[in-house]
């Protein structure tokens, strides 16, 4: 279970610090019980983000059934995917 306030705090930190390996490492230190995955937005082919910002989208991950899947249910969420947005020119 991940609290909505936690997701909002994660979004705020990423908006302030930017999305990169250092900020994801900081998130792992602050919230060690949450599994964080960092990838490109074009690596996500399904699911709906629970939070979005100009630089990234946040997706919830559910691992309760032994197979990882994206979810929008905070009660079953065990992790977050941070999907970085890239400009078409990048």
PDB file of N, CA and C in Angstrom:
ATOM      1  N   UNK A   1       0.839  -1.174   0.000  1.00  0.00           N
ATOM      2  CA  UNK A   1       0.000   0.000   0.000  1.00  0.00           C
ATOM      3  C   UNK A   1       0.890   1.244   0.000  1.00  0.00           C
ATOM      4  N   UNK A   2       0.546   2.164  -0.860  1.00  0.00           N
ATOM      5  CA  UNK A   2       1.241   3.442  -0.933  1.00  0.00           C
ATOM      6  C   UNK A   2       0.213   4.546  -0.700  1.00  0.00           C
ATOM      7  N   UNK A   3       0.553   5.454   0.168  1.00  0.00           N
ATOM      8  CA  UNK A   3      -0.355   6.551   0.503  1.00  0.00           C
ATOM      9  C   UNK A   3      -0.359   7.597  -0.621  1.00  0.00           C
ATOM     10  N   UNK A   4      -1.509   8.207  -0.864  1.00  0.00           N
ATOM     11  CA  UNK A   4      -1.625   9.270  -1.873  1.00  0.00           C
ATOM     12  C   UNK A   4      -0.679  10.433  -1.544  1.00  0.00           C
ATOM     13  N   UNK A   5      -0.514  10.718  -0.262  1.00  0.00           N
ATOM     14  CA  UNK A   5       0.381  11.802   0.161  1.00  0.00           C
ATOM     15  C   UNK A   5       1.834  11.483  -0.210  1.00  0.00           C
ATOM     16  N   UNK A   6       2.193  10.206  -0.145  1.00  0.00           N
ATOM     17  CA  UNK A   6       3.548   9.785  -0.509  1.00  0.00           C
ATOM     18  C   UNK A   6       3.778   9.998  -1.998  1.00  0.00           C
ATOM     19  N   UNK A   7       2.805   9.630  -2.807  1.00  0.00           N
ATOM     20  CA  UNK A   7       2.923   9.825  -4.257  1.00  0.00           C
ATOM     21  C   UNK A   7       3.066  11.315  -4.565  1.00  0.00           C
ATOM     22  N   UNK A   8       2.307  12.136  -3.891  1.00  0.00           N
ATOM     23  CA  UNK A   8       2.391  13.585  -4.092  1.00  0.00           C
ATOM     24  C   UNK A   8       3.761  14.114  -3.666  1.00  0.00           C
ATOM     25  N   UNK A   9       4.301  13.615  -2.568  1.00  0.00           N
ATOM     26  CA  UNK A   9       5.633  14.033  -2.109  1.00  0.00           C
ATOM     27  C   UNK A   9       6.711  13.609  -3.094  1.00  0.00           C
ATOM     28  N   UNK A  10       6.566  12.435  -3.660  1.00  0.00           N
ATOM     29  CA  UNK A  10       7.513  11.942  -4.664  1.00  0.00           C
ATOM     30  C   UNK A  10       7.464  12.832  -5.899  1.00  0.00           C
ATOM     31  N   UNK A  11       6.271  13.158  -6.342  1.00  0.00           N
ATOM     32  CA  UNK A  11       6.120  14.047  -7.493  1.00  0.00           C
ATOM     33  C   UNK A  11       6.771  15.396  -7.218  1.00  0.00           C
ATOM     34  N   UNK A  12       6.529  15.953  -6.049  1.00  0.00           N
ATOM     35  CA  UNK A  12       7.098  17.252  -5.687  1.00  0.00           C
ATOM     36  C   UNK A  12       8.621  17.206  -5.691  1.00  0.00           C
ATOM     37  N   UNK A  13       9.195  16.169  -5.096  1.00  0.00           N
ATOM     38  CA  UNK A  13      10.649  16.050  -5.063  1.00  0.00           C
ATOM     39  C   UNK A  13      11.221  15.960  -6.472  1.00  0.00           C
ATOM     40  N   UNK A  14      10.594  15.150  -7.328  1.00  0.00           N
ATOM     41  CA  UNK A  14      11.085  15.001  -8.702  1.00  0.00           C
ATOM     42  C   UNK A  14      10.930  16.295  -9.500  1.00  0.00           C
ATOM     43  N   UNK A  15       9.872  17.040  -9.256  1.00  0.00           N
ATOM     44  CA  UNK A  15       9.701  18.326  -9.940  1.00  0.00           C
ATOM     45  C   UNK A  15      10.780  19.315  -9.511  1.00  0.00           C
ATOM     46  N   UNK A  16      11.171  19.254  -8.242  1.00  0.00           N
ATOM     47  CA  UNK A  16      12.200  20.158  -7.725  1.00  0.00           C
ATOM     48  C   UNK A  16      13.604  19.742  -8.156  1.00  0.00           C
ATOM     49  N   UNK A  17      13.914  18.450  -8.067  1.00  0.00           N
ATOM     50  CA  UNK A  17      15.273  17.946  -8.309  1.00  0.00           C
ATOM     51  C   UNK A  17      15.519  17.559  -9.760  1.00  0.00           C
ATOM     52  N   UNK A  18      14.450  17.248 -10.500  1.00  0.00           N
ATOM     53  CA  UNK A  18      14.604  16.709 -11.840  1.00  0.00           C
ATOM     54  C   UNK A  18      14.640  15.190 -11.783  1.00  0.00           C
ATOM     55  N   UNK A  19      14.459  14.578 -12.940  1.00  0.00           N
ATOM     56  CA  UNK A  19      14.428  13.120 -13.021  1.00  0.00           C
ATOM     57  C   UNK A  19      15.765  12.631 -13.553  1.00  0.00           C
ATOM     58  N   UNK A  20      16.493  11.922 -12.695  1.00  0.00           N
ATOM     59  CA  UNK A  20      17.747  11.294 -13.090  1.00  0.00           C
ATOM     60  C   UNK A  20      18.083  10.213 -12.060  1.00  0.00           C
ATOM     61  N   UNK A  21      19.180   9.514 -12.268  1.00  0.00           N
ATOM     62  CA  UNK A  21      19.558   8.421 -11.370  1.00  0.00           C
ATOM     63  C   UNK A  21      19.763   8.913  -9.935  1.00  0.00           C
ATOM     64  N   UNK A  22      20.324  10.111  -9.777  1.00  0.00           N
ATOM     65  CA  UNK A  22      20.575  10.649  -8.433  1.00  0.00           C
ATOM     66  C   UNK A  22      19.272  10.888  -7.675  1.00  0.00           C
ATOM     67  N   UNK A  23      18.281  11.460  -8.335  1.00  0.00           N
ATOM     68  CA  UNK A  23      17.010  11.721  -7.645  1.00  0.00           C
ATOM     69  C   UNK A  23      16.277  10.415  -7.349  1.00  0.00           C
ATOM     70  N   UNK A  24      16.370   9.437  -8.246  1.00  0.00           N
ATOM     71  CA  UNK A  24      15.744   8.135  -7.987  1.00  0.00           C
ATOM     72  C   UNK A  24      16.442   7.445  -6.806  1.00  0.00           C
ATOM     73  N   UNK A  25      17.760   7.554  -6.724  1.00  0.00           N
ATOM     74  CA  UNK A  25      18.499   7.006  -5.577  1.00  0.00           C
ATOM     75  C   UNK A  25      18.058   7.673  -4.277  1.00  0.00           C
ATOM     76  N   UNK A  26      17.841   8.974  -4.330  1.00  0.00           N
ATOM     77  CA  UNK A  26      17.369   9.698  -3.151  1.00  0.00           C
ATOM     78  C   UNK A  26      15.987   9.202  -2.730  1.00  0.00           C
ATOM     79  N   UNK A  27      15.109   8.959  -3.698  1.00  0.00           N
ATOM     80  CA  UNK A  27      13.784   8.418  -3.381  1.00  0.00           C
ATOM     81  C   UNK A  27      13.905   7.062  -2.695  1.00  0.00           C
ATOM     82  N   UNK A  28      14.811   6.232  -3.172  1.00  0.00           N
ATOM     83  CA  UNK A  28      15.010   4.904  -2.573  1.00  0.00           C
ATOM     84  C   UNK A  28      15.495   5.006  -1.131  1.00  0.00           C
ATOM     85  N   UNK A  29      16.285   6.027  -0.835  1.00  0.00           N
ATOM     86  CA  UNK A  29      16.755   6.236   0.534  1.00  0.00           C
ATOM     87  C   UNK A  29      15.631   6.735   1.436  1.00  0.00           C
ATOM     88  N   UNK A  30      14.822   7.639   0.927  1.00  0.00           N
ATOM     89  CA  UNK A  30      13.736   8.219   1.722  1.00  0.00           C
ATOM     90  C   UNK A  30      12.623   7.199   1.973  1.00  0.00           C
ATOM     91  N   UNK A  31      12.274   6.425   0.938  1.00  0.00           N
ATOM     92  CA  UNK A  31      11.192   5.425   1.034  1.00  0.00           C
ATOM     93  C   UNK A  31      11.726   4.040   0.687  1.00  0.00           C
ATOM     94  N   UNK A  32      12.481   3.412   1.589  1.00  0.00           N
ATOM     95  CA  UNK A  32      13.115   2.121   1.286  1.00  0.00           C
ATOM     96  C   UNK A  32      12.134   0.961   1.083  1.00  0.00           C
ATOM     97  N   UNK A  33      10.913   1.096   1.536  1.00  0.00           N
ATOM     98  CA  UNK A  33       9.943   0.007   1.374  1.00  0.00           C
ATOM     99  C   UNK A  33       9.218   0.048   0.034  1.00  0.00           C
ATOM    100  N   UNK A  34       9.417   1.127  -0.726  1.00  0.00           N
ATOM    101  CA  UNK A  34       8.799   1.256  -2.046  1.00  0.00           C
ATOM    102  C   UNK A  34       9.835   0.893  -3.108  1.00  0.00           C
ATOM    103  N   UNK A  35       9.455   0.041  -4.036  1.00  0.00           N
ATOM    104  CA  UNK A  35      10.343  -0.314  -5.143  1.00  0.00           C
ATOM    105  C   UNK A  35      10.165   0.723  -6.255  1.00  0.00           C
ATOM    106  N   UNK A  36      11.270   1.357  -6.659  1.00  0.00           N
ATOM    107  CA  UNK A  36      11.235   2.375  -7.708  1.00  0.00           C
ATOM    108  C   UNK A  36      11.892   1.838  -8.975  1.00  0.00           C
ATOM    109  N   UNK A  37      11.226   2.043 -10.092  1.00  0.00           N
ATOM    110  CA  UNK A  37      11.771   1.712 -11.405  1.00  0.00           C
ATOM    111  C   UNK A  37      11.829   3.007 -12.202  1.00  0.00           C
ATOM    112  N   UNK A  38      12.948   3.209 -12.888  1.00  0.00           N
ATOM    113  CA  UNK A  38      13.165   4.426 -13.669  1.00  0.00           C
ATOM    114  C   UNK A  38      13.342   4.021 -15.119  1.00  0.00           C
ATOM    115  N   UNK A  39      12.516   4.590 -16.003  1.00  0.00           N
ATOM    116  CA  UNK A  39      12.578   4.228 -17.417  1.00  0.00           C
ATOM    117  C   UNK A  39      12.096   5.401 -18.270  1.00  0.00           C
ATOM    118  N   UNK A  40      12.065   5.184 -19.557  1.00  0.00           N
ATOM    119  CA  UNK A  40      11.552   6.158 -20.507  1.00  0.00           C
ATOM    120  C   UNK A  40      10.051   5.945 -20.683  1.00  0.00           C
ATOM    121  N   UNK A  41       9.331   7.010 -20.922  1.00  0.00           N
ATOM    122  CA  UNK A  41       7.880   6.919 -21.127  1.00  0.00           C
ATOM    123  C   UNK A  41       7.535   5.957 -22.262  1.00  0.00           C
ATOM    124  N   UNK A  42       8.374   5.879 -23.282  1.00  0.00           N
ATOM    125  CA  UNK A  42       8.050   4.984 -24.395  1.00  0.00           C
ATOM    126  C   UNK A  42       8.278   3.514 -24.061  1.00  0.00           C
ATOM    127  N   UNK A  43       8.766   3.203 -22.847  1.00  0.00           N
ATOM    128  CA  UNK A  43       8.860   1.816 -22.384  1.00  0.00           C
ATOM    129  C   UNK A  43       7.548   1.324 -21.789  1.00  0.00           C
ATOM    130  N   UNK A  44       6.623   2.231 -21.534  1.00  0.00           N
ATOM    131  CA  UNK A  44       5.326   1.882 -20.946  1.00  0.00           C
ATOM    132  C   UNK A  44       4.314   1.759 -22.080  1.00  0.00           C
ATOM    133  N   UNK A  45       3.702   0.574 -22.187  1.00  0.00           N
ATOM    134  CA  UNK A  45       2.780   0.317 -23.301  1.00  0.00           C
ATOM    135  C   UNK A  45       1.330   0.135 -22.854  1.00  0.00           C
ATOM    136  N   UNK A  46       1.114   0.181 -21.556  1.00  0.00           N
ATOM    137  CA  UNK A  46      -0.253   0.076 -21.052  1.00  0.00           C
ATOM    138  C   UNK A  46      -0.315   0.801 -19.715  1.00  0.00           C
ATOM    139  N   UNK A  47      -1.491   0.863 -19.169  1.00  0.00           N
ATOM    140  CA  UNK A  47      -1.650   1.504 -17.875  1.00  0.00           C
ATOM    141  C   UNK A  47      -1.870   3.002 -18.004  1.00  0.00           C
ATOM    142  N   UNK A  48      -2.323   3.559 -16.906  1.00  0.00           N
ATOM    143  CA  UNK A  48      -2.598   4.991 -16.842  1.00  0.00           C
ATOM    144  C   UNK A  48      -1.803   5.560 -15.670  1.00  0.00           C
ATOM    145  N   UNK A  49      -1.089   6.666 -15.896  1.00  0.00           N
ATOM    146  CA  UNK A  49      -0.318   7.239 -14.791  1.00  0.00           C
ATOM    147  C   UNK A  49      -1.225   7.757 -13.672  1.00  0.00           C
ATOM    148  N   UNK A  50      -0.714   7.672 -12.441  1.00  0.00           N
ATOM    149  CA  UNK A  50      -1.456   8.212 -11.302  1.00  0.00           C
ATOM    150  C   UNK A  50      -1.110   9.672 -11.067  1.00  0.00           C
ATOM    151  N   UNK A  51       0.035  10.092 -11.562  1.00  0.00           N
ATOM    152  CA  UNK A  51       0.465  11.477 -11.493  1.00  0.00           C
ATOM    153  C   UNK A  51       1.276  11.789 -12.742  1.00  0.00           C
ATOM    154  N   UNK A  52       1.176  13.030 -13.200  1.00  0.00           N
ATOM    155  CA  UNK A  52       1.965  13.453 -14.349  1.00  0.00           C
ATOM    156  C   UNK A  52       2.538  14.840 -14.101  1.00  0.00           C
ATOM    157  N   UNK A  53       3.701  15.064 -14.660  1.00  0.00           N
ATOM    158  CA  UNK A  53       4.340  16.373 -14.656  1.00  0.00           C
ATOM    159  C   UNK A  53       4.930  16.566 -16.044  1.00  0.00           C
ATOM    160  N   UNK A  54       5.479  17.726 -16.290  1.00  0.00           N
ATOM    161  CA  UNK A  54       6.034  18.002 -17.610  1.00  0.00           C
ATOM    162  C   UNK A  54       7.152  17.031 -17.977  1.00  0.00           C
ATOM    163  N   UNK A  55       7.990  16.662 -17.006  1.00  0.00           N
ATOM    164  CA  UNK A  55       9.165  15.831 -17.277  1.00  0.00           C
ATOM    165  C   UNK A  55       8.943  14.332 -17.116  1.00  0.00           C
ATOM    166  N   UNK A  56       7.843  13.911 -16.477  1.00  0.00           N
ATOM    167  CA  UNK A  56       7.689  12.492 -16.151  1.00  0.00           C
ATOM    168  C   UNK A  56       6.233  12.142 -15.856  1.00  0.00           C
ATOM    169  N   UNK A  57       5.985  10.827 -15.842  1.00  0.00           N
ATOM    170  CA  UNK A  57       4.712  10.273 -15.377  1.00  0.00           C
ATOM    171  C   UNK A  57       5.027   9.256 -14.290  1.00  0.00           C
ATOM    172  N   UNK A  58       4.130   9.116 -13.329  1.00  0.00           N
ATOM    173  CA  UNK A  58       4.277   8.127 -12.275  1.00  0.00           C
ATOM    174  C   UNK A  58       3.191   7.065 -12.431  1.00  0.00           C
ATOM    175  N   UNK A  59       3.623   5.807 -12.423  1.00  0.00           N
ATOM    176  CA  UNK A  59       2.717   4.666 -12.514  1.00  0.00           C
ATOM    177  C   UNK A  59       2.864   3.824 -11.254  1.00  0.00           C
ATOM    178  N   UNK A  60       1.771   3.265 -10.781  1.00  0.00           N
ATOM    179  CA  UNK A  60       1.805   2.362  -9.637  1.00  0.00           C
ATOM    180  C   UNK A  60       2.033   0.937 -10.109  1.00  0.00           C
ATOM    181  N   UNK A  61       2.779   0.175  -9.320  1.00  0.00           N
ATOM    182  CA  UNK A  61       3.060  -1.225  -9.614  1.00  0.00           C
ATOM    183  C   UNK A  61       2.452  -2.086  -8.513  1.00  0.00           C
ATOM    184  N   UNK A  62       1.823  -3.169  -8.910  1.00  0.00           N
ATOM    185  CA  UNK A  62       1.234  -4.152  -7.991  1.00  0.00           C
ATOM    186  C   UNK A  62       1.992  -5.464  -8.168  1.00  0.00           C
ATOM    187  N   UNK A  63       2.551  -5.984  -7.077  1.00  0.00           N
ATOM    188  CA  UNK A  63       3.259  -7.265  -7.149  1.00  0.00           C
ATOM    189  C   UNK A  63       2.639  -8.300  -6.216  1.00  0.00           C
ATOM    190  N   UNK A  64       1.412  -8.089  -5.815  1.00  0.00           N
ATOM    191  CA  UNK A  64       0.781  -8.983  -4.844  1.00  0.00           C
ATOM    192  C   UNK A  64       0.494 -10.373  -5.391  1.00  0.00           C
ATOM    193  N   UNK A  65       0.349 -10.523  -6.681  1.00  0.00           N
ATOM    194  CA  UNK A  65       0.041 -11.826  -7.283  1.00  0.00           C
ATOM    195  C   UNK A  65       1.268 -12.480  -7.911  1.00  0.00           C
ATOM    196  N   UNK A  66       2.453 -12.119  -7.461  1.00  0.00           N
ATOM    197  CA  UNK A  66       3.734 -12.675  -7.913  1.00  0.00           C
ATOM    198  C   UNK A  66       4.143 -12.225  -9.304  1.00  0.00           C
ATOM    199  N   UNK A  67       3.266 -11.619 -10.051  1.00  0.00           N
ATOM    200  CA  UNK A  67       3.598 -11.046 -11.353  1.00  0.00           C
ATOM    201  C   UNK A  67       3.364  -9.544 -11.258  1.00  0.00           C
ATOM    202  N   UNK A  68       4.331  -8.801 -11.728  1.00  0.00           N
ATOM    203  CA  UNK A  68       4.190  -7.344 -11.676  1.00  0.00           C
ATOM    204  C   UNK A  68       3.196  -6.867 -12.718  1.00  0.00           C
ATOM    205  N   UNK A  69       2.379  -5.903 -12.336  1.00  0.00           N
ATOM    206  CA  UNK A  69       1.465  -5.277 -13.283  1.00  0.00           C
ATOM    207  C   UNK A  69       1.218  -3.844 -12.835  1.00  0.00           C
ATOM    208  N   UNK A  70       0.843  -3.008 -13.773  1.00  0.00           N
ATOM    209  CA  UNK A  70       0.495  -1.630 -13.442  1.00  0.00           C
ATOM    210  C   UNK A  70      -0.914  -1.595 -12.886  1.00  0.00           C
ATOM    211  N   UNK A  71      -1.133  -0.696 -11.958  1.00  0.00           N
ATOM    212  CA  UNK A  71      -2.429  -0.563 -11.318  1.00  0.00           C
ATOM    213  C   UNK A  71      -2.689   0.910 -11.023  1.00  0.00           C
ATOM    214  N   UNK A  72      -3.897   1.240 -10.685  1.00  0.00           N
ATOM    215  CA  UNK A  72      -4.215   2.572 -10.189  1.00  0.00           C
ATOM    216  C   UNK A  72      -4.783   2.482  -8.775  1.00  0.00           C
ATOM    217  N   UNK A  73      -4.623   1.316  -8.166  1.00  0.00           N
ATOM    218  CA  UNK A  73      -5.135   1.049  -6.822  1.00  0.00           C
ATOM    219  C   UNK A  73      -4.017   1.250  -5.801  1.00  0.00           C
ATOM    220  N   UNK A  74      -4.071   2.330  -5.064  1.00  0.00           N
ATOM    221  CA  UNK A  74      -3.059   2.615  -4.044  1.00  0.00           C
ATOM    222  C   UNK A  74      -2.995   1.522  -2.981  1.00  0.00           C
ATOM    223  N   UNK A  75      -4.106   0.833  -2.740  1.00  0.00           N
ATOM    224  CA  UNK A  75      -4.147  -0.203  -1.711  1.00  0.00           C
ATOM    225  C   UNK A  75      -3.335  -1.438  -2.066  1.00  0.00           C
ATOM    226  N   UNK A  76      -3.148  -1.706  -3.356  1.00  0.00           N
ATOM    227  CA  UNK A  76      -2.360  -2.872  -3.759  1.00  0.00           C
ATOM    228  C   UNK A  76      -0.988  -2.505  -4.300  1.00  0.00           C
ATOM    229  N   UNK A  77      -0.706  -1.218  -4.405  1.00  0.00           N
ATOM    230  CA  UNK A  77       0.555  -0.764  -4.977  1.00  0.00           C
ATOM    231  C   UNK A  77       1.727  -1.081  -4.046  1.00  0.00           C
ATOM    232  N   UNK A  78       2.802  -1.589  -4.648  1.00  0.00           N
ATOM    233  CA  UNK A  78       4.023  -1.897  -3.902  1.00  0.00           C
ATOM    234  C   UNK A  78       5.218  -1.119  -4.443  1.00  0.00           C
ATOM    235  N   UNK A  79       5.027  -0.462  -5.564  1.00  0.00           N
ATOM    236  CA  UNK A  79       6.128   0.275  -6.158  1.00  0.00           C
ATOM    237  C   UNK A  79       5.635   1.329  -7.128  1.00  0.00           C
ATOM    238  N   UNK A  80       6.608   2.081  -7.627  1.00  0.00           N
ATOM    239  CA  UNK A  80       6.320   3.156  -8.578  1.00  0.00           C
ATOM    240  C   UNK A  80       7.271   3.075  -9.758  1.00  0.00           C
ATOM    241  N   UNK A  81       6.735   3.330 -10.937  1.00  0.00           N
ATOM    242  CA  UNK A  81       7.552   3.502 -12.129  1.00  0.00           C
ATOM    243  C   UNK A  81       7.618   5.001 -12.404  1.00  0.00           C
ATOM    244  N   UNK A  82       8.832   5.489 -12.536  1.00  0.00           N
ATOM    245  CA  UNK A  82       9.063   6.884 -12.918  1.00  0.00           C
ATOM    246  C   UNK A  82       9.427   6.851 -14.394  1.00  0.00           C
ATOM    247  N   UNK A  83       8.513   7.285 -15.235  1.00  0.00           N
ATOM    248  CA  UNK A  83       8.708   7.231 -16.694  1.00  0.00           C
ATOM    249  C   UNK A  83       9.029   8.635 -17.185  1.00  0.00           C
ATOM    250  N   UNK A  84      10.275   8.820 -17.581  1.00  0.00           N
ATOM    251  CA  UNK A  84      10.734  10.135 -18.015  1.00  0.00           C
ATOM    252  C   UNK A  84      10.228  10.457 -19.408  1.00  0.00           C
ATOM    253  N   UNK A  85       9.763  11.683 -19.581  1.00  0.00           N
ATOM    254  CA  UNK A  85       9.316  12.169 -20.891  1.00  0.00           C
ATOM    255  C   UNK A  85      10.512  12.728 -21.637  1.00  0.00           C
ATOM    256  N   UNK A  86      10.548  12.492 -22.929  1.00  0.00           N
ATOM    257  CA  UNK A  86      11.587  13.053 -23.776  1.00  0.00           C
ATOM    258  C   UNK A  86      10.935  13.842 -24.902  1.00  0.00           C
ATOM    259  N   UNK A  87      11.570  14.911 -25.308  1.00  0.00           N
ATOM    260  CA  UNK A  87      11.089  15.667 -26.464  1.00  0.00           C
ATOM    261  C   UNK A  87      11.283  14.810 -27.705  1.00  0.00           C
ATOM    262  N   UNK A  88      10.449  15.028 -28.697  1.00  0.00           N
ATOM    263  CA  UNK A  88      10.541  14.311 -29.961  1.00  0.00           C
ATOM    264  C   UNK A  88      11.916  14.479 -30.592  1.00  0.00           C
ATOM    265  N   UNK A  89      12.564  15.613 -30.340  1.00  0.00           N
ATOM    266  CA  UNK A  89      13.863  15.911 -30.937  1.00  0.00           C
ATOM    267  C   UNK A  89      14.994  15.154 -30.270  1.00  0.00           C
ATOM    268  N   UNK A  90      14.810  14.673 -29.021  1.00  0.00           N
ATOM    269  CA  UNK A  90      15.872  13.975 -28.276  1.00  0.00           C
ATOM    270  C   UNK A  90      16.149  12.598 -28.850  1.00  0.00           C
TER     271      UNK A  90
END
